[in-house]
N, C-alpha and C. Protein backbone atom coordinates (compact mmCIF):
# COMPACT_ATOMS: atom_id res chain seq x y z
N MET A 1 9.38 3.86 -11.04
CA MET A 1 8.49 2.75 -11.27
C MET A 1 7.40 3.22 -12.23
N ASN A 2 7.05 2.36 -13.16
CA ASN A 2 5.96 2.69 -14.07
C ASN A 2 4.81 1.70 -13.85
N ALA A 3 3.75 1.86 -14.64
CA ALA A 3 2.56 1.03 -14.46
C ALA A 3 2.86 -0.46 -14.67
N ASN A 4 3.72 -0.78 -15.63
CA ASN A 4 4.03 -2.19 -15.89
C ASN A 4 4.74 -2.84 -14.69
N VAL A 5 5.69 -2.12 -14.11
CA VAL A 5 6.40 -2.64 -12.94
C VAL A 5 5.42 -2.79 -11.77
N TYR A 6 4.56 -1.80 -11.59
CA TYR A 6 3.57 -1.85 -10.51
C TYR A 6 2.66 -3.06 -10.67
N GLN A 7 2.19 -3.30 -11.88
CA GLN A 7 1.32 -4.45 -12.13
C GLN A 7 2.06 -5.76 -11.89
N HIS A 8 3.33 -5.79 -12.22
CA HIS A 8 4.14 -6.98 -11.96
C HIS A 8 4.21 -7.24 -10.45
N ILE A 9 4.38 -6.19 -9.67
CA ILE A 9 4.42 -6.32 -8.21
C ILE A 9 3.07 -6.85 -7.69
N LEU A 10 1.99 -6.31 -8.23
CA LEU A 10 0.66 -6.79 -7.83
C LEU A 10 0.51 -8.27 -8.15
N ASP A 11 1.00 -8.65 -9.32
CA ASP A 11 0.81 -10.01 -9.81
C ASP A 11 1.75 -11.02 -9.15
N THR A 12 2.80 -10.55 -8.51
CA THR A 12 3.76 -11.46 -7.89
C THR A 12 3.78 -11.28 -6.38
N THR A 13 4.39 -10.23 -5.92
CA THR A 13 4.60 -10.02 -4.49
C THR A 13 3.28 -9.91 -3.73
N LEU A 14 2.38 -9.09 -4.22
CA LEU A 14 1.10 -8.94 -3.51
C LEU A 14 0.31 -10.24 -3.57
N ARG A 15 0.29 -10.88 -4.73
CA ARG A 15 -0.44 -12.15 -4.85
C ARG A 15 0.15 -13.19 -3.88
N ASP A 16 1.48 -13.27 -3.80
CA ASP A 16 2.11 -14.20 -2.87
C ASP A 16 1.74 -13.88 -1.42
N THR A 17 1.71 -12.60 -1.09
CA THR A 17 1.34 -12.18 0.27
C THR A 17 -0.11 -12.57 0.57
N MET A 18 -0.98 -12.34 -0.39
CA MET A 18 -2.39 -12.71 -0.21
C MET A 18 -2.52 -14.21 0.04
N GLN A 19 -1.78 -15.00 -0.75
CA GLN A 19 -1.83 -16.46 -0.58
C GLN A 19 -1.25 -16.87 0.77
N TYR A 20 -0.16 -16.25 1.16
CA TYR A 20 0.50 -16.59 2.42
C TYR A 20 -0.46 -16.40 3.60
N TYR A 21 -1.21 -15.31 3.57
CA TYR A 21 -2.15 -15.02 4.66
C TYR A 21 -3.54 -15.62 4.42
N ASN A 22 -3.65 -16.39 3.35
CA ASN A 22 -4.90 -17.05 3.01
C ASN A 22 -6.05 -16.07 2.78
N PHE A 23 -5.72 -14.92 2.18
CA PHE A 23 -6.73 -13.94 1.81
C PHE A 23 -7.17 -14.20 0.37
N ASN A 24 -8.41 -13.93 0.11
CA ASN A 24 -8.97 -14.08 -1.22
C ASN A 24 -9.27 -12.70 -1.77
N TRP A 25 -8.94 -12.46 -3.03
CA TRP A 25 -9.18 -11.14 -3.64
C TRP A 25 -10.63 -10.70 -3.44
N SER A 26 -11.55 -11.64 -3.48
CA SER A 26 -12.97 -11.27 -3.37
C SER A 26 -13.35 -10.85 -1.95
N ASN A 27 -12.47 -11.09 -0.97
CA ASN A 27 -12.77 -10.74 0.41
C ASN A 27 -12.02 -9.52 0.91
N VAL A 28 -11.27 -8.88 0.05
CA VAL A 28 -10.51 -7.70 0.47
C VAL A 28 -10.83 -6.52 -0.43
N TYR A 29 -10.57 -5.37 0.10
CA TYR A 29 -10.78 -4.12 -0.62
C TYR A 29 -9.42 -3.45 -0.75
N PHE A 30 -8.89 -3.38 -1.96
CA PHE A 30 -7.55 -2.86 -2.18
C PHE A 30 -7.59 -1.34 -2.30
N GLN A 31 -6.63 -0.72 -1.64
CA GLN A 31 -6.55 0.74 -1.63
C GLN A 31 -5.17 1.16 -2.09
N HIS A 32 -5.13 1.99 -3.10
CA HIS A 32 -3.88 2.64 -3.50
C HIS A 32 -4.22 4.08 -3.84
N ASP A 33 -3.20 4.93 -3.83
CA ASP A 33 -3.48 6.36 -4.00
C ASP A 33 -3.54 6.75 -5.48
N ASN A 34 -3.55 8.04 -5.75
CA ASN A 34 -3.74 8.55 -7.11
C ASN A 34 -2.44 8.72 -7.88
N ASP A 35 -1.42 7.99 -7.54
CA ASP A 35 -0.18 8.00 -8.29
C ASP A 35 -0.49 7.59 -9.74
N PRO A 36 0.18 8.19 -10.72
CA PRO A 36 -0.10 7.86 -12.13
C PRO A 36 -0.04 6.36 -12.45
N LYS A 37 0.89 5.64 -11.86
CA LYS A 37 0.97 4.20 -12.15
C LYS A 37 -0.24 3.45 -11.59
N HIS A 38 -0.84 3.99 -10.54
CA HIS A 38 -2.04 3.37 -9.97
C HIS A 38 -3.28 3.68 -10.81
N LYS A 39 -3.29 4.86 -11.42
CA LYS A 39 -4.45 5.32 -12.19
C LYS A 39 -4.36 4.96 -13.67
N ALA A 40 -3.23 4.40 -14.09
CA ALA A 40 -3.04 4.07 -15.51
C ALA A 40 -4.14 3.13 -15.98
N LYS A 41 -4.56 3.32 -17.22
CA LYS A 41 -5.61 2.46 -17.77
C LYS A 41 -5.21 0.99 -17.69
N SER A 42 -3.96 0.69 -17.96
CA SER A 42 -3.51 -0.71 -17.91
C SER A 42 -3.59 -1.27 -16.49
N THR A 43 -3.35 -0.44 -15.48
CA THR A 43 -3.47 -0.90 -14.09
C THR A 43 -4.93 -1.12 -13.73
N ILE A 44 -5.78 -0.19 -14.11
CA ILE A 44 -7.22 -0.35 -13.85
C ILE A 44 -7.73 -1.60 -14.56
N ASP A 45 -7.28 -1.82 -15.80
CA ASP A 45 -7.67 -3.03 -16.52
C ASP A 45 -7.19 -4.28 -15.78
N TRP A 46 -5.94 -4.23 -15.26
CA TRP A 46 -5.40 -5.37 -14.52
C TRP A 46 -6.27 -5.66 -13.30
N LEU A 47 -6.60 -4.62 -12.55
CA LEU A 47 -7.43 -4.79 -11.35
C LEU A 47 -8.79 -5.38 -11.72
N ASP A 48 -9.40 -4.84 -12.78
CA ASP A 48 -10.71 -5.34 -13.20
C ASP A 48 -10.62 -6.78 -13.69
N ASN A 49 -9.59 -7.09 -14.49
CA ASN A 49 -9.43 -8.45 -15.02
C ASN A 49 -9.17 -9.48 -13.92
N HIS A 50 -8.56 -9.05 -12.84
CA HIS A 50 -8.28 -9.95 -11.72
C HIS A 50 -9.35 -9.85 -10.62
N GLN A 51 -10.41 -9.13 -10.92
CA GLN A 51 -11.56 -8.98 -10.02
C GLN A 51 -11.13 -8.48 -8.63
N VAL A 52 -10.24 -7.49 -8.65
CA VAL A 52 -9.78 -6.87 -7.42
C VAL A 52 -10.69 -5.69 -7.11
N ARG A 53 -11.23 -5.68 -5.91
CA ARG A 53 -12.06 -4.55 -5.49
C ARG A 53 -11.14 -3.45 -4.99
N TYR A 54 -11.46 -2.21 -5.35
CA TYR A 54 -10.55 -1.11 -5.02
C TYR A 54 -11.30 0.21 -4.90
N ILE A 55 -10.65 1.15 -4.21
CA ILE A 55 -11.13 2.52 -4.11
C ILE A 55 -10.37 3.31 -5.16
N SER A 56 -11.08 4.08 -5.97
CA SER A 56 -10.44 4.71 -7.12
C SER A 56 -9.87 6.10 -6.86
N ASP A 57 -10.12 6.70 -5.70
CA ASP A 57 -9.61 8.07 -5.50
C ASP A 57 -9.02 8.29 -4.11
N TRP A 58 -8.28 7.34 -3.61
CA TRP A 58 -7.65 7.48 -2.29
C TRP A 58 -6.61 8.58 -2.35
N PRO A 59 -6.57 9.49 -1.38
CA PRO A 59 -5.63 10.62 -1.44
C PRO A 59 -4.18 10.17 -1.29
N ALA A 60 -3.32 10.80 -2.07
CA ALA A 60 -1.89 10.48 -2.05
C ALA A 60 -1.20 11.13 -0.86
N GLN A 61 -0.15 10.50 -0.39
CA GLN A 61 0.74 11.04 0.64
C GLN A 61 -0.03 11.64 1.82
N SER A 62 -0.95 10.88 2.33
CA SER A 62 -1.74 11.33 3.48
C SER A 62 -1.49 10.38 4.65
N PRO A 63 -0.56 10.74 5.56
CA PRO A 63 -0.22 9.82 6.63
C PRO A 63 -1.38 9.45 7.54
N ASP A 64 -2.39 10.30 7.65
CA ASP A 64 -3.53 9.95 8.49
C ASP A 64 -4.34 8.80 7.91
N LEU A 65 -4.31 8.65 6.60
CA LEU A 65 -5.05 7.59 5.93
C LEU A 65 -4.15 6.45 5.46
N ASN A 66 -2.87 6.71 5.33
CA ASN A 66 -1.93 5.74 4.78
C ASN A 66 -0.74 5.58 5.72
N PRO A 67 -0.76 4.61 6.61
CA PRO A 67 0.34 4.46 7.56
C PRO A 67 1.70 4.29 6.90
N ILE A 68 1.72 3.77 5.68
CA ILE A 68 3.01 3.57 5.01
C ILE A 68 3.73 4.90 4.78
N GLU A 69 2.99 6.00 4.73
CA GLU A 69 3.62 7.31 4.54
C GLU A 69 4.57 7.63 5.69
N HIS A 70 4.22 7.20 6.91
CA HIS A 70 5.12 7.38 8.05
C HIS A 70 6.41 6.60 7.83
N VAL A 71 6.28 5.40 7.29
CA VAL A 71 7.45 4.56 7.04
C VAL A 71 8.33 5.19 5.98
N TRP A 72 7.73 5.69 4.89
CA TRP A 72 8.53 6.35 3.83
C TRP A 72 9.27 7.55 4.42
N HIS A 73 8.60 8.29 5.29
CA HIS A 73 9.24 9.45 5.90
C HIS A 73 10.45 9.02 6.74
N GLN A 74 10.27 7.99 7.55
CA GLN A 74 11.38 7.49 8.37
C GLN A 74 12.52 6.96 7.50
N LEU A 75 12.17 6.27 6.43
CA LEU A 75 13.18 5.76 5.50
C LEU A 75 13.99 6.91 4.91
N ASN A 76 13.30 7.95 4.45
CA ASN A 76 13.99 9.11 3.88
C ASN A 76 14.87 9.80 4.91
N LEU A 77 14.37 9.94 6.14
CA LEU A 77 15.18 10.56 7.19
C LEU A 77 16.46 9.78 7.45
N LYS A 78 16.33 8.48 7.56
CA LYS A 78 17.51 7.65 7.85
C LYS A 78 18.48 7.63 6.68
N LEU A 79 17.97 7.64 5.45
CA LEU A 79 18.86 7.68 4.29
C LEU A 79 19.58 9.01 4.19
N SER A 80 18.94 10.08 4.64
CA SER A 80 19.58 11.40 4.57
C SER A 80 20.68 11.56 5.60
N CYS A 81 20.79 10.64 6.55
CA CYS A 81 21.84 10.72 7.58
C CYS A 81 23.21 10.24 7.08
N TYR A 82 23.23 9.58 5.94
CA TYR A 82 24.53 9.17 5.39
C TYR A 82 25.33 10.40 5.01
N GLU A 83 26.64 10.35 5.25
CA GLU A 83 27.49 11.52 5.00
C GLU A 83 27.60 11.86 3.53
N ARG A 84 27.51 10.87 2.68
CA ARG A 84 27.61 11.13 1.24
C ARG A 84 26.50 10.39 0.51
N ARG A 85 26.21 10.86 -0.68
CA ARG A 85 25.20 10.22 -1.52
C ARG A 85 25.70 8.86 -1.98
N ALA A 86 24.80 7.96 -2.24
CA ALA A 86 25.17 6.65 -2.77
C ALA A 86 25.85 6.82 -4.12
N LYS A 87 26.87 6.01 -4.38
CA LYS A 87 27.63 6.11 -5.63
C LYS A 87 26.83 5.58 -6.82
N ASN A 88 25.97 4.61 -6.56
CA ASN A 88 25.21 3.98 -7.64
C ASN A 88 23.94 3.35 -7.06
N THR A 89 23.14 2.80 -7.93
CA THR A 89 21.87 2.23 -7.46
C THR A 89 22.08 1.01 -6.57
N ASP A 90 23.14 0.24 -6.82
CA ASP A 90 23.40 -0.91 -5.95
C ASP A 90 23.67 -0.46 -4.52
N GLU A 91 24.48 0.59 -4.37
CA GLU A 91 24.77 1.09 -3.03
C GLU A 91 23.51 1.68 -2.38
N LEU A 92 22.70 2.37 -3.18
CA LEU A 92 21.45 2.92 -2.66
C LEU A 92 20.54 1.79 -2.17
N TRP A 93 20.40 0.74 -2.98
CA TRP A 93 19.55 -0.39 -2.58
C TRP A 93 20.07 -1.06 -1.32
N GLU A 94 21.39 -1.16 -1.18
CA GLU A 94 21.96 -1.73 0.05
C GLU A 94 21.55 -0.90 1.26
N ARG A 95 21.62 0.41 1.11
CA ARG A 95 21.23 1.30 2.21
C ARG A 95 19.74 1.18 2.52
N VAL A 96 18.94 1.19 1.48
CA VAL A 96 17.49 1.07 1.67
C VAL A 96 17.17 -0.24 2.38
N GLU A 97 17.78 -1.32 1.93
CA GLU A 97 17.52 -2.62 2.55
C GLU A 97 17.95 -2.64 4.02
N LYS A 98 19.10 -2.04 4.31
CA LYS A 98 19.58 -2.00 5.69
C LYS A 98 18.60 -1.22 6.58
N VAL A 99 18.17 -0.05 6.10
CA VAL A 99 17.23 0.77 6.88
C VAL A 99 15.89 0.05 7.01
N TRP A 100 15.38 -0.47 5.89
CA TRP A 100 14.08 -1.14 5.87
C TRP A 100 14.06 -2.32 6.85
N ASN A 101 15.11 -3.12 6.81
CA ASN A 101 15.18 -4.28 7.70
C ASN A 101 15.37 -3.89 9.16
N GLY A 102 15.73 -2.64 9.40
CA GLY A 102 15.88 -2.14 10.76
C GLY A 102 14.57 -1.70 11.39
N PHE A 103 13.52 -1.57 10.58
CA PHE A 103 12.21 -1.22 11.13
C PHE A 103 11.67 -2.43 11.87
N ASP A 104 11.20 -2.22 13.08
CA ASP A 104 10.67 -3.35 13.83
C ASP A 104 9.14 -3.40 13.75
N LYS A 105 8.62 -4.53 14.12
CA LYS A 105 7.18 -4.78 14.05
C LYS A 105 6.41 -3.78 14.91
N GLU A 106 6.95 -3.44 16.06
CA GLU A 106 6.25 -2.53 16.97
C GLU A 106 6.09 -1.14 16.35
N LEU A 107 7.13 -0.66 15.66
CA LEU A 107 7.05 0.64 14.99
C LEU A 107 5.93 0.62 13.95
N CYS A 108 5.92 -0.41 13.13
CA CYS A 108 4.88 -0.51 12.10
C CYS A 108 3.50 -0.60 12.73
N GLN A 109 3.39 -1.35 13.81
CA GLN A 109 2.09 -1.48 14.48
C GLN A 109 1.62 -0.14 15.04
N ARG A 110 2.54 0.66 15.56
CA ARG A 110 2.16 1.99 16.07
C ARG A 110 1.59 2.85 14.94
N TYR A 111 2.20 2.78 13.76
CA TYR A 111 1.69 3.55 12.63
C TYR A 111 0.29 3.07 12.25
N ILE A 112 0.10 1.78 12.22
CA ILE A 112 -1.22 1.24 11.89
C ILE A 112 -2.24 1.65 12.95
N ASP A 113 -1.84 1.56 14.22
CA ASP A 113 -2.74 1.92 15.32
C ASP A 113 -3.09 3.40 15.33
N SER A 114 -2.26 4.22 14.68
CA SER A 114 -2.53 5.65 14.66
C SER A 114 -3.68 6.00 13.72
N MET A 115 -4.07 5.06 12.88
CA MET A 115 -5.19 5.32 11.98
C MET A 115 -6.48 5.39 12.78
N PRO A 116 -7.40 6.23 12.33
CA PRO A 116 -8.71 6.26 13.00
C PRO A 116 -9.34 4.87 13.00
N LYS A 117 -9.96 4.50 14.08
CA LYS A 117 -10.50 3.15 14.24
C LYS A 117 -11.59 2.82 13.22
N ILE A 118 -12.18 3.82 12.63
CA ILE A 118 -13.25 3.57 11.67
C ILE A 118 -12.79 2.71 10.50
N TYR A 119 -11.50 2.72 10.19
CA TYR A 119 -11.01 1.96 9.05
C TYR A 119 -10.97 0.47 9.31
N TYR A 120 -11.18 0.04 10.54
CA TYR A 120 -11.10 -1.37 10.84
C TYR A 120 -12.46 -2.05 10.86
N VAL A 121 -13.48 -1.38 10.39
CA VAL A 121 -14.79 -1.98 10.25
C VAL A 121 -14.71 -2.96 9.09
N GLY A 122 -15.08 -4.20 9.29
CA GLY A 122 -15.02 -5.18 8.21
C GLY A 122 -14.64 -6.53 8.74
N THR A 123 -14.55 -7.49 7.84
CA THR A 123 -14.28 -8.86 8.27
C THR A 123 -12.81 -9.23 8.19
N GLU A 124 -12.04 -8.55 7.36
CA GLU A 124 -10.62 -8.81 7.26
C GLU A 124 -9.92 -7.47 7.16
N ALA A 125 -8.70 -7.39 7.61
CA ALA A 125 -7.92 -6.16 7.47
C ALA A 125 -6.54 -6.50 6.96
N VAL A 126 -6.16 -5.85 5.88
CA VAL A 126 -4.82 -6.02 5.33
C VAL A 126 -4.22 -4.64 5.27
N CYS A 127 -3.29 -4.34 6.12
CA CYS A 127 -2.57 -3.08 6.10
C CYS A 127 -1.10 -3.45 6.17
N ALA A 128 -0.55 -3.85 5.07
CA ALA A 128 0.80 -4.39 5.14
C ALA A 128 1.63 -3.92 3.98
N ILE A 129 1.85 -4.78 3.01
CA ILE A 129 2.92 -4.57 2.04
C ILE A 129 2.76 -3.31 1.21
N VAL A 130 1.56 -2.96 0.81
CA VAL A 130 1.40 -1.76 0.01
C VAL A 130 0.65 -0.70 0.79
N THR A 131 -0.26 -0.95 1.54
CA THR A 131 -1.22 -0.29 2.43
C THR A 131 -2.57 -0.67 1.89
N GLY A 132 -3.42 -0.97 2.77
CA GLY A 132 -4.76 -1.30 2.35
C GLY A 132 -5.65 -1.51 3.53
N CYS A 133 -6.90 -1.37 3.27
CA CYS A 133 -7.90 -1.71 4.26
C CYS A 133 -8.87 -2.63 3.56
N ALA A 134 -9.07 -3.78 4.11
CA ALA A 134 -9.89 -4.78 3.46
C ALA A 134 -11.28 -4.77 4.06
N LEU A 135 -12.25 -4.61 3.22
CA LEU A 135 -13.64 -4.61 3.66
C LEU A 135 -14.47 -5.41 2.66
N GLN A 136 -15.49 -6.06 3.13
CA GLN A 136 -16.37 -6.74 2.20
C GLN A 136 -17.44 -5.76 1.75
N LYS A 137 -17.19 -5.15 0.64
CA LYS A 137 -18.07 -4.14 0.07
C LYS A 137 -18.15 -4.36 -1.44
N PRO A 138 -18.92 -3.55 -2.16
CA PRO A 138 -19.00 -3.71 -3.61
C PRO A 138 -17.61 -3.65 -4.25
N ARG A 139 -17.48 -4.23 -5.44
CA ARG A 139 -16.19 -4.43 -6.08
C ARG A 139 -15.46 -3.15 -6.42
N LYS A 140 -16.12 -2.10 -6.80
CA LYS A 140 -15.44 -0.86 -7.17
C LYS A 140 -16.25 0.31 -6.66
N MET A 141 -15.55 1.34 -6.28
CA MET A 141 -16.20 2.58 -5.87
C MET A 141 -15.64 3.70 -6.72
N ASP A 142 -16.48 4.65 -7.03
CA ASP A 142 -16.03 5.78 -7.83
C ASP A 142 -15.43 6.89 -6.99
N SER A 143 -15.65 6.87 -5.70
CA SER A 143 -15.11 7.95 -4.89
C SER A 143 -14.84 7.49 -3.47
N LEU A 144 -13.96 8.21 -2.83
CA LEU A 144 -13.65 7.96 -1.43
C LEU A 144 -14.89 8.20 -0.57
N GLN A 145 -15.72 9.15 -0.97
CA GLN A 145 -16.94 9.43 -0.22
C GLN A 145 -17.83 8.20 -0.16
N GLN A 146 -17.94 7.46 -1.27
CA GLN A 146 -18.74 6.24 -1.26
C GLN A 146 -18.21 5.24 -0.24
N PHE A 147 -16.89 5.18 -0.10
CA PHE A 147 -16.27 4.29 0.88
C PHE A 147 -16.76 4.64 2.28
N PHE A 148 -16.69 5.93 2.63
CA PHE A 148 -17.10 6.35 3.96
C PHE A 148 -18.60 6.22 4.15
N ASP A 149 -19.37 6.41 3.09
CA ASP A 149 -20.82 6.25 3.19
C ASP A 149 -21.19 4.82 3.59
N LEU A 150 -20.40 3.84 3.14
CA LEU A 150 -20.69 2.45 3.46
C LEU A 150 -20.39 2.11 4.91
N LEU A 151 -19.52 2.87 5.53
CA LEU A 151 -19.18 2.60 6.93
C LEU A 151 -20.25 3.14 7.80
């Protein structure tokens, strides 16, 4: 995935999810990690142009802060149980979809509940499709420390 694909996901899937749950961009605080596609100038410009509030230095692959990392780990474990590698991307996607759809709500809730309770301070919480913690705070922060200072 590159920055353009990531921005397309933000502009479609995430936007649809926000609308479905009746969340407003101005009422949530978007969190993504330091992956290059997240830090790309075009992605930062997209976030700024759409007035999305975000944390700019969230640590990557940190299961204590990002419950989705537990899900990725489980996905990888289950995919590694297949006796042979997928023959092509279509077969891989079929496997991913089968495993993904096998995750139940309770499992995901346990991962979310494993986060320190301090992250739930705020008026809305969105910890779903990408991972995020929604807080009514200033639009952009330069560091993760500023995020914790506000709590």
